[in-house]
Each structure stands twice: as C-alpha cells, then as structure tokens.
Protein backbone atom coordinates (compact mmCIF):
# COMPACT_ATOMS: atom_id res chain seq x y z
CA UNK A 1 -142.83 32.70 169.32
CA UNK A 2 -144.91 35.02 171.16
CA UNK A 3 -145.87 38.32 169.67
CA UNK A 4 -145.89 41.71 171.76
CA UNK A 5 -149.66 42.34 170.59
CA UNK A 6 -150.05 45.36 172.72
CA UNK A 7 -147.05 47.54 171.29
CA UNK A 8 -148.03 46.45 168.06
CA UNK A 9 -151.37 47.79 168.36
CA UNK A 10 -150.38 51.01 169.77
CA UNK A 11 -147.75 51.47 167.52
CA UNK A 12 -149.81 50.80 164.46
CA UNK A 13 -152.49 53.62 165.81
CA UNK A 14 -149.62 55.93 166.28
CA UNK A 15 -148.47 55.06 162.69
CA UNK A 16 -151.77 55.60 161.34
CA UNK A 17 -152.32 58.95 163.37
CA UNK A 18 -151.41 60.95 160.20
CA UNK A 19 -154.55 59.39 157.68
CA UNK A 20 -156.67 61.69 160.02
CA UNK A 21 -154.75 65.02 158.35
CA UNK A 22 -154.88 62.97 154.86
CA UNK A 23 -158.87 62.45 154.96
CA UNK A 24 -159.35 65.83 156.48
CA UNK A 25 -157.12 67.86 153.57
CA UNK A 26 -158.79 65.42 151.15
CA UNK A 27 -162.44 66.14 151.79
CA UNK A 28 -162.19 69.58 153.60
CA UNK A 29 -163.63 71.36 150.46
CA UNK A 30 -167.15 69.70 150.64
CA UNK A 31 -167.64 71.45 153.82
CA UNK A 32 -166.47 74.78 152.50
CA UNK A 33 -167.43 75.59 148.86
CA UNK A 34 -169.82 78.10 149.70
CA UNK A 35 -167.22 80.09 151.32
CA UNK A 36 -164.55 79.67 149.69
CA UNK A 37 -166.93 81.14 146.89
CA UNK A 38 -167.58 84.54 148.81
CA UNK A 39 -163.77 84.73 150.13
CA UNK A 40 -161.92 83.72 146.77
CA UNK A 41 -165.48 83.76 144.23
CA UNK A 42 -164.62 80.21 143.85
CA UNK A 43 -167.45 79.41 141.51
CA UNK A 44 -168.84 75.88 141.09
CA UNK A 45 -166.56 75.43 137.40
CA UNK A 46 -163.58 76.40 139.31
CA UNK A 47 -163.86 74.18 142.57
CA UNK A 48 -162.70 70.95 140.56
CA UNK A 49 -159.83 72.56 139.16
CA UNK A 50 -158.72 73.48 142.76
CA UNK A 51 -159.79 70.08 144.06
CA UNK A 52 -157.78 68.66 140.64
CA UNK A 53 -154.87 70.43 141.75
CA UNK A 54 -154.44 68.38 145.20
CA UNK A 55 -154.86 65.20 143.18
CA UNK A 56 -152.55 66.01 140.09
CA UNK A 57 -150.02 66.95 142.79
CA UNK A 58 -151.10 63.39 145.20
CA UNK A 59 -149.74 61.87 141.68
CA UNK A 60 -145.91 63.69 142.08
CA UNK A 61 -146.06 62.48 145.53
CA UNK A 62 -146.84 58.89 145.24
CA UNK A 63 -143.85 58.99 142.50
CA UNK A 64 -141.50 60.36 145.46
CA UNK A 65 -143.48 57.73 147.88
CA UNK A 66 -142.64 55.06 145.00
CA UNK A 67 -138.85 56.18 144.96
CA UNK A 68 -138.31 55.58 148.80
CA UNK A 69 -140.59 52.63 149.25
CA UNK A 70 -139.23 50.60 145.74
CA UNK A 71 -135.47 51.86 145.71
CA UNK A 72 -134.48 53.11 149.08
CA UNK A 73 -137.03 51.34 150.98
CA UNK A 74 -137.26 54.20 153.64
CA UNK A 75 -141.23 53.92 154.76
CA UNK A 76 -140.45 55.70 158.18
CA UNK A 77 -138.80 58.75 156.30
CA UNK A 78 -141.24 58.54 153.69
CA UNK A 79 -144.08 58.74 155.84
CA UNK A 80 -142.37 61.96 157.72
CA UNK A 81 -141.93 63.96 154.13
CA UNK A 82 -145.51 62.81 153.65
CA UNK A 83 -146.29 64.71 157.38
CA UNK A 84 -144.55 67.87 157.04
CA UNK A 85 -146.11 68.48 153.33
CA UNK A 86 -149.83 67.74 154.70
CA UNK A 87 -149.15 70.08 157.94
CA UNK A 88 -147.18 72.91 155.93
CA UNK A 89 -149.92 72.66 152.94
CA UNK A 90 -153.04 72.96 155.56
CA UNK A 91 -151.46 76.16 157.03
CA UNK A 92 -150.85 77.80 153.73
CA UNK A 93 -154.55 77.50 153.52
CA UNK A 94 -155.78 79.76 156.54
CA UNK A 95 -154.56 83.09 154.26
CA UNK A 96 -157.14 84.92 152.02
CA UNK A 97 -154.95 84.84 149.01
CA UNK A 98 -156.10 82.78 146.50
CA UNK A 99 -152.45 81.69 145.01
CA UNK A 100 -151.83 80.98 148.47
CA UNK A 101 -154.45 78.74 148.65
CA UNK A 102 -153.76 76.81 145.52
CA UNK A 103 -150.12 75.90 146.36
CA UNK A 104 -151.31 74.99 149.97
CA UNK A 105 -153.12 72.01 148.05
CA UNK A 106 -150.67 71.48 145.83
CA UNK A 107 -148.46 70.81 148.53
CA UNK A 108 -150.73 69.22 150.70
CA UNK A 109 -151.74 66.98 147.52
CA UNK A 110 -148.28 65.98 147.80
CA UNK A 111 -148.52 64.51 151.80
CA UNK A 112 -151.70 62.80 150.44
CA UNK A 113 -149.58 60.69 147.71
CA UNK A 114 -146.65 59.90 149.47
CA UNK A 115 -148.61 58.97 152.48
CA UNK A 116 -150.99 56.73 150.16
CA UNK A 117 -148.13 54.78 149.40
CA UNK A 118 -145.47 54.89 152.42
CA UNK A 119 -148.23 54.15 154.88
CA UNK A 120 -149.29 50.94 153.87
CA UNK A 121 -146.53 49.03 153.12
CA UNK A 122 -144.92 50.11 156.49
CA UNK A 123 -147.65 48.86 158.23
CA UNK A 124 -147.31 45.34 156.60
CA UNK A 125 -143.47 45.37 157.61
CA UNK A 126 -144.41 46.18 161.22
CA UNK A 127 -147.20 44.20 161.60
CA UNK A 128 -146.60 40.10 162.16
CA UNK A 129 -148.38 37.75 159.45
CA UNK A 130 -151.07 36.88 161.87
CA UNK A 131 -152.07 40.70 162.76
CA UNK A 132 -152.03 42.50 159.18
CA UNK A 133 -155.43 41.93 158.43
CA UNK A 134 -156.53 44.09 161.57
CA UNK A 135 -153.59 46.07 161.50
CA UNK A 136 -154.77 46.77 157.57
CA UNK A 137 -158.19 47.70 158.67
CA UNK A 138 -156.89 49.93 161.50
CA UNK A 139 -155.77 51.87 158.81
CA UNK A 140 -158.91 52.12 157.29
CA UNK A 141 -160.50 52.83 160.38
CA UNK A 142 -158.39 55.89 161.49
CA UNK A 143 -158.69 57.00 157.91
CA UNK A 144 -162.39 57.10 158.22
CA UNK A 145 -162.68 58.49 161.35
CA UNK A 146 -160.79 61.89 159.95
CA UNK A 147 -163.25 61.77 157.26
CA UNK A 148 -165.76 61.92 160.50
CA UNK A 149 -164.05 64.45 162.02
CA UNK A 150 -164.01 67.00 158.92
CA UNK A 151 -167.77 66.35 158.23
CA UNK A 152 -168.62 66.87 162.01
CA UNK A 153 -166.71 70.11 161.46
CA UNK A 154 -169.04 70.88 158.61
CA UNK A 155 -172.02 70.26 160.70
CA UNK A 156 -171.00 73.84 162.68
CA UNK A 157 -169.81 75.66 159.55
CA UNK A 158 -172.04 79.28 159.37
CA UNK A 159 -174.78 79.49 156.65
CA UNK A 160 -173.49 82.05 153.64
CA UNK A 161 -177.36 81.83 151.90
CA UNK A 162 -177.66 85.61 153.58
CA UNK A 163 -174.15 86.50 152.89
CA UNK A 164 -172.50 88.56 150.01
CA UNK A 165 -169.21 89.92 150.77
CA UNK A 166 -166.39 88.47 153.04
CA UNK A 167 -166.17 91.05 155.40
CA UNK A 168 -169.61 89.24 156.37
CA UNK A 169 -167.86 86.09 157.23
CA UNK A 170 -166.35 84.35 160.33
CA UNK A 171 -162.88 85.30 159.41
CA UNK A 172 -161.52 82.82 161.90
CA UNK A 173 -164.00 79.62 161.63
CA UNK A 174 -162.60 78.46 157.90
CA UNK A 175 -159.12 79.73 158.81
CA UNK A 176 -159.13 77.42 161.50
CA UNK A 177 -161.17 74.55 159.98
CA UNK A 178 -158.41 74.02 157.19
CA UNK A 179 -155.91 74.61 159.61
CA UNK A 180 -157.18 71.56 162.03
CA UNK A 181 -156.31 69.17 159.12
CA UNK A 182 -152.47 69.37 159.45
CA UNK A 183 -152.17 68.90 163.40
CA UNK A 184 -152.53 65.05 163.28
CA UNK A 185 -149.98 65.07 160.96
CA UNK A 186 -147.87 67.74 163.41
CA UNK A 187 -148.65 65.01 165.74
CA UNK A 188 -147.13 61.87 163.89
CA UNK A 189 -143.95 63.30 162.84
CA UNK A 190 -143.22 64.11 166.90
CA UNK A 191 -144.45 60.66 167.65
CA UNK A 192 -142.44 59.20 165.31
CA UNK A 193 -139.28 61.25 165.91
CA UNK A 194 -139.36 60.45 169.24
CA UNK A 195 -140.95 57.27 170.56
CA UNK A 196 -140.90 55.11 167.14
CA UNK A 197 -138.24 56.45 165.83
CA UNK A 198 -136.82 53.70 163.39
CA UNK A 199 -136.80 52.24 159.67
CA UNK A 200 -138.03 48.29 159.77
CA UNK A 201 -136.46 45.21 160.08
CA UNK A 202 -135.88 44.18 156.57
CA UNK A 203 -134.55 47.71 155.53
CA UNK A 204 -131.64 47.60 158.74
CA UNK A 205 -131.30 43.77 157.52
CA UNK A 206 -130.29 45.43 154.22
CA UNK A 207 -128.15 47.29 155.09
CA UNK A 208 -126.47 45.76 157.49
CA UNK A 209 -127.77 47.01 160.53
CA UNK A 210 -128.42 44.12 162.61
CA UNK A 211 -128.07 45.31 166.01
CA UNK A 212 -131.17 47.84 164.76
CA UNK A 213 -133.19 45.09 163.16
CA UNK A 214 -132.84 43.34 166.24
CA UNK A 215 -134.02 45.90 168.47
CA UNK A 216 -137.27 46.59 166.74
CA UNK A 217 -137.95 42.90 166.49
CA UNK A 218 -137.45 42.77 170.29
CA UNK A 219 -140.18 45.29 170.18
CA UNK A 220 -142.61 43.12 168.27
CA UNK A 221 -141.75 39.67 169.25
CA UNK A 222 -140.58 37.74 172.65
CA UNK A 223 -138.56 35.06 171.05
CA UNK A 224 -135.93 32.74 172.79
CA UNK A 225 -133.72 33.13 169.67
CA UNK A 226 -133.82 36.58 168.00
CA UNK A 227 -130.82 35.39 165.90
CA UNK A 228 -132.99 32.77 164.40
CA UNK A 229 -135.40 35.32 163.71
CA UNK A 230 -133.22 37.66 162.21
CA UNK A 231 -131.76 35.03 159.99
CA UNK A 232 -134.94 33.92 158.64
CA UNK A 233 -136.34 37.36 157.79
CA UNK A 234 -132.68 38.20 156.40
CA UNK A 235 -133.10 34.79 153.84
CA UNK A 236 -136.93 36.38 152.85
CA UNK A 237 -135.75 39.41 152.36
CA UNK A 238 -133.14 38.33 149.63
CA UNK A 239 -135.39 36.04 147.98
CA UNK A 240 -138.09 38.83 147.65
CA UNK A 241 -135.54 41.72 146.60
CA UNK A 242 -133.51 40.15 144.32
CA UNK A 243 -132.05 43.07 141.78
CA UNK A 244 -134.07 42.06 138.47
CA UNK A 245 -135.25 44.03 135.74
CA UNK A 246 -139.16 45.57 135.95
CA UNK A 247 -140.37 43.81 133.23
CA UNK A 248 -138.71 40.69 134.26
CA UNK A 249 -140.75 41.05 137.42
CA UNK A 250 -144.13 41.68 135.66
CA UNK A 251 -143.55 38.79 133.86
CA UNK A 252 -143.17 37.13 136.87
CA UNK A 253 -145.95 38.40 138.77
CA UNK A 254 -147.97 39.50 135.42
CA UNK A 255 -151.28 38.04 137.44
CA UNK A 256 -150.64 39.90 140.50
CA UNK A 257 -150.09 42.84 138.80
CA UNK A 258 -153.14 42.75 136.54
CA UNK A 259 -154.91 42.33 140.14
CA UNK A 260 -153.40 45.55 141.28
CA UNK A 261 -154.45 47.37 138.72
CA UNK A 262 -157.62 45.95 138.74
CA UNK A 263 -157.64 46.76 142.08
CA UNK A 264 -156.89 50.23 141.04
CA UNK A 265 -159.14 50.54 138.65
CA UNK A 266 -162.13 49.24 140.80
CA UNK A 267 -161.51 51.94 143.59
CA UNK A 268 -161.64 54.67 141.30
CA UNK A 269 -164.43 53.79 138.56
CA UNK A 270 -167.00 51.87 141.21
CA UNK A 271 -168.53 55.67 141.15
CA UNK A 272 -166.83 56.69 143.74
CA UNK A 273 -165.92 60.07 142.51
CA UNK A 274 -169.10 60.85 140.97
CA UNK A 275 -171.47 60.11 143.93
CA UNK A 276 -169.38 60.69 147.33
CA UNK A 277 -167.32 63.15 146.42
CA UNK A 278 -169.94 65.20 144.79
CA UNK A 279 -172.74 64.40 147.25
CA UNK A 280 -172.25 67.48 149.27
CA UNK A 281 -172.77 69.38 145.70
CA UNK A 282 -176.11 67.44 145.34
CA UNK A 283 -177.42 67.72 148.99
CA UNK A 284 -176.59 71.66 148.40
CA UNK A 285 -178.73 71.75 145.48
CA UNK A 286 -181.60 69.91 146.70
CA UNK A 287 -181.60 71.29 150.30
CA UNK A 288 -181.01 73.85 152.61
CA UNK A 289 -177.59 74.29 153.43
CA UNK A 290 -178.05 73.00 157.33
CA UNK A 291 -179.84 69.73 155.41
CA UNK A 292 -176.74 69.24 153.54
CA UNK A 293 -174.22 69.60 156.18
CA UNK A 294 -176.48 67.02 158.34
CA UNK A 295 -176.47 64.97 155.60
CA UNK A 296 -172.95 65.05 154.72
CA UNK A 297 -172.03 64.55 158.39
CA UNK A 298 -174.41 60.88 158.10
CA UNK A 299 -172.03 60.04 155.50
CA UNK A 300 -169.36 60.19 157.27
CA UNK A 301 -170.86 58.48 160.18
CA UNK A 302 -171.54 55.52 157.77
CA UNK A 303 -168.23 55.92 156.61
CA UNK A 304 -166.54 54.86 159.98
CA UNK A 305 -168.77 52.60 161.25
CA UNK A 306 -168.36 50.79 157.86
CA UNK A 307 -164.87 50.98 157.49
CA UNK A 308 -164.01 49.65 161.01
CA UNK A 309 -166.68 46.85 160.53
CA UNK A 310 -165.34 46.08 156.98
CA UNK A 311 -161.80 46.36 158.25
CA UNK A 312 -161.80 44.45 161.72
CA UNK A 313 -164.78 41.86 161.49
CA UNK A 314 -165.85 40.99 157.72
CA UNK A 315 -161.90 40.87 156.12
CA UNK A 316 -161.31 38.24 159.07
CA UNK A 317 -163.88 35.87 158.79
CA UNK A 318 -165.09 36.53 155.02
CA UNK A 319 -162.22 37.43 153.26
CA UNK A 320 -161.80 39.50 150.22
CA UNK A 321 -162.96 38.37 147.09
CA UNK A 322 -166.74 38.06 148.51
CA UNK A 323 -167.45 40.91 150.11
CA UNK A 324 -165.98 42.93 147.00
CA UNK A 325 -168.01 41.07 144.71
CA UNK A 326 -171.23 41.81 146.74
CA UNK A 327 -170.72 45.59 147.48
CA UNK A 328 -169.78 46.08 143.76
CA UNK A 329 -173.15 44.39 142.83
CA UNK A 330 -175.06 46.59 145.14
CA UNK A 331 -173.27 49.68 143.90
CA UNK A 332 -174.26 48.84 140.11
CA UNK A 333 -177.82 48.77 141.36
CA UNK A 334 -177.11 51.95 143.65
CA UNK A 335 -175.74 54.24 140.35
CA UNK A 336 -178.37 52.72 138.18
CA UNK A 337 -181.08 54.34 140.76
CA UNK A 338 -179.22 57.53 141.13
CA UNK A 339 -179.21 58.04 137.14
CA UNK A 340 -183.35 57.01 137.34
CA UNK A 341 -184.10 59.58 139.82
CA UNK A 342 -181.73 62.20 138.88
CA UNK A 343 -183.65 61.55 135.26
CA UNK A 344 -186.56 61.75 137.09
CA UNK A 345 -186.05 64.85 139.28
CA UNK A 346 -186.70 63.08 142.41
CA UNK A 347 -184.43 64.31 145.07
CA UNK A 348 -185.22 62.31 147.79
CA UNK A 349 -185.07 58.84 146.41
CA UNK A 350 -181.89 60.07 144.59
CA UNK A 351 -180.67 60.82 147.55
CA UNK A 352 -181.88 57.34 149.56
CA UNK A 353 -179.75 55.94 146.55
CA UNK A 354 -176.38 57.73 147.15
CA UNK A 355 -176.43 56.38 150.70
CA UNK A 356 -177.15 52.78 149.16
CA UNK A 357 -174.06 53.71 147.33
CA UNK A 358 -172.26 54.78 150.22
CA UNK A 359 -172.95 51.63 152.01
CA UNK A 360 -171.59 49.74 149.62
CA UNK A 361 -169.00 50.97 149.15
CA UNK A 362 -167.96 51.81 152.44
CA UNK A 363 -167.98 48.06 153.62
CA UNK A 364 -166.57 46.77 150.10
CA UNK A 365 -164.05 48.78 148.06
CA UNK A 366 -162.92 51.82 150.66
CA UNK A 367 -161.24 49.41 153.69
CA UNK A 368 -160.59 46.54 151.22
CA UNK A 369 -158.76 47.41 148.85
CA UNK A 370 -155.91 49.37 150.96
CA UNK A 371 -155.90 45.71 152.75
CA UNK A 372 -155.45 43.76 149.72
CA UNK A 373 -152.86 45.31 147.31
CA UNK A 374 -150.26 44.79 149.85
CA UNK A 375 -150.94 41.14 150.66
CA UNK A 376 -151.56 40.16 147.07
CA UNK A 377 -148.91 42.69 144.81
CA UNK A 378 -145.17 42.23 145.24
CA UNK A 379 -143.69 45.11 147.10
CA UNK A 380 -141.79 45.83 143.69
CA UNK A 381 -145.33 46.40 142.03
CA UNK A 382 -147.48 48.37 144.04
CA UNK A 383 -146.14 51.92 143.75
CA UNK A 384 -146.45 51.59 139.72
CA UNK A 385 -150.23 50.09 140.71
CA UNK A 386 -150.87 53.14 142.87
CA UNK A 387 -149.36 55.48 140.05
CA UNK A 388 -152.27 54.36 138.08
CA UNK A 389 -155.04 55.01 140.70
CA UNK A 390 -154.04 58.79 140.75
CA UNK A 391 -153.66 58.66 136.90
CA UNK A 392 -157.62 57.86 137.12
CA UNK A 393 -158.43 60.12 139.38
CA UNK A 394 -157.11 62.99 137.49
CA UNK A 395 -158.92 61.38 133.98
CA UNK A 396 -162.23 61.67 136.52
CA UNK A 397 -161.27 65.32 137.33
CA UNK A 398 -160.68 66.05 134.12
CA UNK A 399 -163.52 64.64 132.16
CA UNK A 400 -166.49 64.69 135.03
CA UNK A 401 -166.69 68.68 135.10
CA UNK A 402 -166.94 68.40 131.20
CA UNK A 403 -169.73 65.79 131.64
CA UNK A 404 -171.39 67.76 134.05
CA UNK A 405 -171.37 71.01 131.91
CA UNK A 406 -172.52 69.31 128.66
CA UNK A 407 -175.04 67.03 130.03
CA UNK A 408 -176.90 66.83 133.50
CA UNK A 409 -174.75 66.31 136.91
CA UNK A 410 -176.46 62.94 137.33
CA UNK A 411 -175.57 61.23 134.38
CA UNK A 412 -174.44 58.12 136.68
CA UNK A 413 -175.87 55.26 134.20
CA UNK A 414 -171.98 56.29 133.03
CA UNK A 415 -170.29 55.04 136.64
CA UNK A 416 -173.08 52.64 136.30
CA UNK A 417 -171.41 51.04 133.24
CA UNK A 418 -168.16 51.32 135.06
CA UNK A 419 -169.18 48.91 137.80
CA UNK A 420 -171.00 46.59 135.59
CA UNK A 421 -167.55 46.21 134.01
CA UNK A 422 -165.56 46.09 137.39
CA UNK A 423 -168.19 43.33 138.91
CA UNK A 424 -167.83 41.12 135.58
CA UNK A 425 -163.65 41.42 135.68
CA UNK A 426 -163.80 40.89 139.23
CA UNK A 427 -165.82 37.10 139.08
CA UNK A 428 -162.72 35.83 137.33
CA UNK A 429 -160.05 36.24 140.50
CA UNK A 430 -160.63 33.60 142.81
CA UNK A 431 -158.88 35.56 145.55
CA UNK A 432 -160.12 35.17 148.93
C-alpha cells in the first residue's frame, strides 16, 4: 500500500500553522516586559501574575480539549476552537486597558491548552505509522519557528531606557506585536474550514460515516482495496476504544500511564520554566536592553534549529530514550553551573550556562516529549497526563516568584535537584 506522502506532509504543515500562534502567545510577554511596565505599570512582581493568567486558563483549555478528544473525539473541532481563542485573545491584547489585556491573556491561554491536547492526537491519527515520527517532529519544528518569530520581532522592540510615560512610547509597535501572534491561527481556521475540512477516519468510522472515512483515506493512501483498509481500521478502533471504566484502563496500561505522567514531570521540572522563561529577565538585569534582545533572539534561533534537527533526524536514528537521557544529564550540569555562577555573580559565565541548558533542553525534552506521548500513552489517558502538565505549570508559577522574592533568583540548584530526580527515574525505563 502506497502512501500519498506529498499530501500528508502538506496537510500536516497546514494543521501545524496554528502552533506559531501558540508559541507566539506563550512567549510574547518576554519581549514586552519593560513596555508593559510603562503602559500598564506592571511591576516585576505582577508579571508572574499575568504570565500565570495564561497558564491557569490553559489548564481550562486542556480540560475542554480532553473532553473533545476523549469523549467526543472531534480533534478537528478542538483545533478550530483553539484557534478562535488564540486569535480573539491576541486581538484583545492591543487595547491599552489592563483588564482587557488580562482577559485576552486568559482567552489565549484557553486556546493554548486546547491546542496542546488536540493537535498532537489529530496529527497522530492523520499520519500513517511510518511517517508519524517525521510529522510529530514537524509539530516541534513549527512551534519553535513561532518562538523564533516572536524573538525576531523582539530584536526591533524600541528601547525604553529613557521613556518614563506611555505618551513617549511607539503606540503602534507593541499593539501590532501582540496582534500578529493571532494571525497564524486565523490562517489555520480558513485553511481547515475550506481545504482540510474533515475529521479523522477513525471518527467517521465510529460514527458510521464510512463514505466520509473513505474520502479521507483516499487522500492519505493509494490502495487497490480501500474497503479492506477501512475494515482493518474499524477493527483496530473497536479494540482500542471499548467502553471501560477509567480505573480499569489505568490498571491495564499502568506502566504507560506512569510513563506519561513522568514525561510531563520531566518536561516541566527539568528547569525549563526557571531558566528559559526567565532568561529575558536575566539578560535585562545583566546587559543592556539591545544586548538582552539579541541574546533572546539567539535562543530562539537555537530552538528552531535544534527542534528541527531533533524532531527529524535524532528521533529517527537514535530513538527517544537515549537523547532524553543525554539531554537530562547535560541539563543537570547546566543547572548546577547556573547556580554556581549566579552565586558568584559572574554574569558572563551565567549566560554561557544558560545557553548550555538551552542546547540540552531544545535537543531532548523539548521536541521529544510531544512526539513520545501519543506513541506510548493510550489515547484514553493522554488528556489526563496533560492535566498534570498544566498543573505543574501552575505550581511553578505560584512557587517560583515566592522563591525569587525570599531568595536570590538564580537558585537554580532547586531545578538541578529536579533534574537529578528526573534523570534517576528515566534510567528505569527501557523504551526506545
């Protein structure tokens, strides 16, 4: 049976366009911290609150996404709803009203949560098994490209060193900056409602719409017997989706579920939030604004390159476990280096180890975990794993600012200990 690879690749690229908005919205505040302080008088203490608004609402989005994927199984609809939230949320960020800005962050966060849950599963069910590693890697590549665009835009963000009031700001630049983040979502809405307006074959089969399932399968495969292919998918679907209690499902797939929870733990507690998300603040505190913008942009370039490399080459030739273990080991070293040189107040070496961490994270946990999850964890349990992902995010956003206030920001040994824990646990899993 031949696969229509050209159609699959173009379709998956189209389905991933909205990830640019997801990445842009998630990271857009980093470039605008000083501008937002002037426009809304958002202090450093309040910045974590606004960042937490997106993360907390993402938990709600993940919940709705889980309902769509676990019970209704309308992944296509979930992606469209996520895009609507991302576009509307980004549009609200252009107003110079702090309450509207806050609401925009909440709506965009809901879109992020839904996108994180629905998109990987949809790509998984559309992609043939032999192509999923590449298509899953494509998801990471497009997401990192969105992060790259965010930081590229930030390079030209006007300096605010000599500005003391909102009237002195370029009022158009920051508004356009936040609005641009929603445009890829709008594009995906148009594309998915016109060119790729269909659910997955499994959805159609489960709802006795064989004609629509065949129409999608004919786009993906070139076969002489589509009816046989349809029956094979129906049989697999019936086996995988028998109505059983959640407790029984967890007991049956205990190891896979534990591994999914572990992956979410690694993804959040390896130090990513502490180092990468706050890197802009570290750069601003130790360097000039222009230098800080350039360093943040350089991180985005590395992310794009490494996500693409790890997503398409490393995953294909080295599997999942080895790159994950290597990345965790290097992140432990980087976290320890960040702690040492922050304690010694050596800004130059501190930045060096930040980039070491960035290299380790962006070539291991970053691109691997989103691909690993749908491959190893049963579809019925993926959404519950993502609940813990956003739950961990909320915990970090609540605890980390307190640690920053009572301690020194760069007490990265906390995250180094988490990395050691992740590394020691990951060595137990013999999964390729």
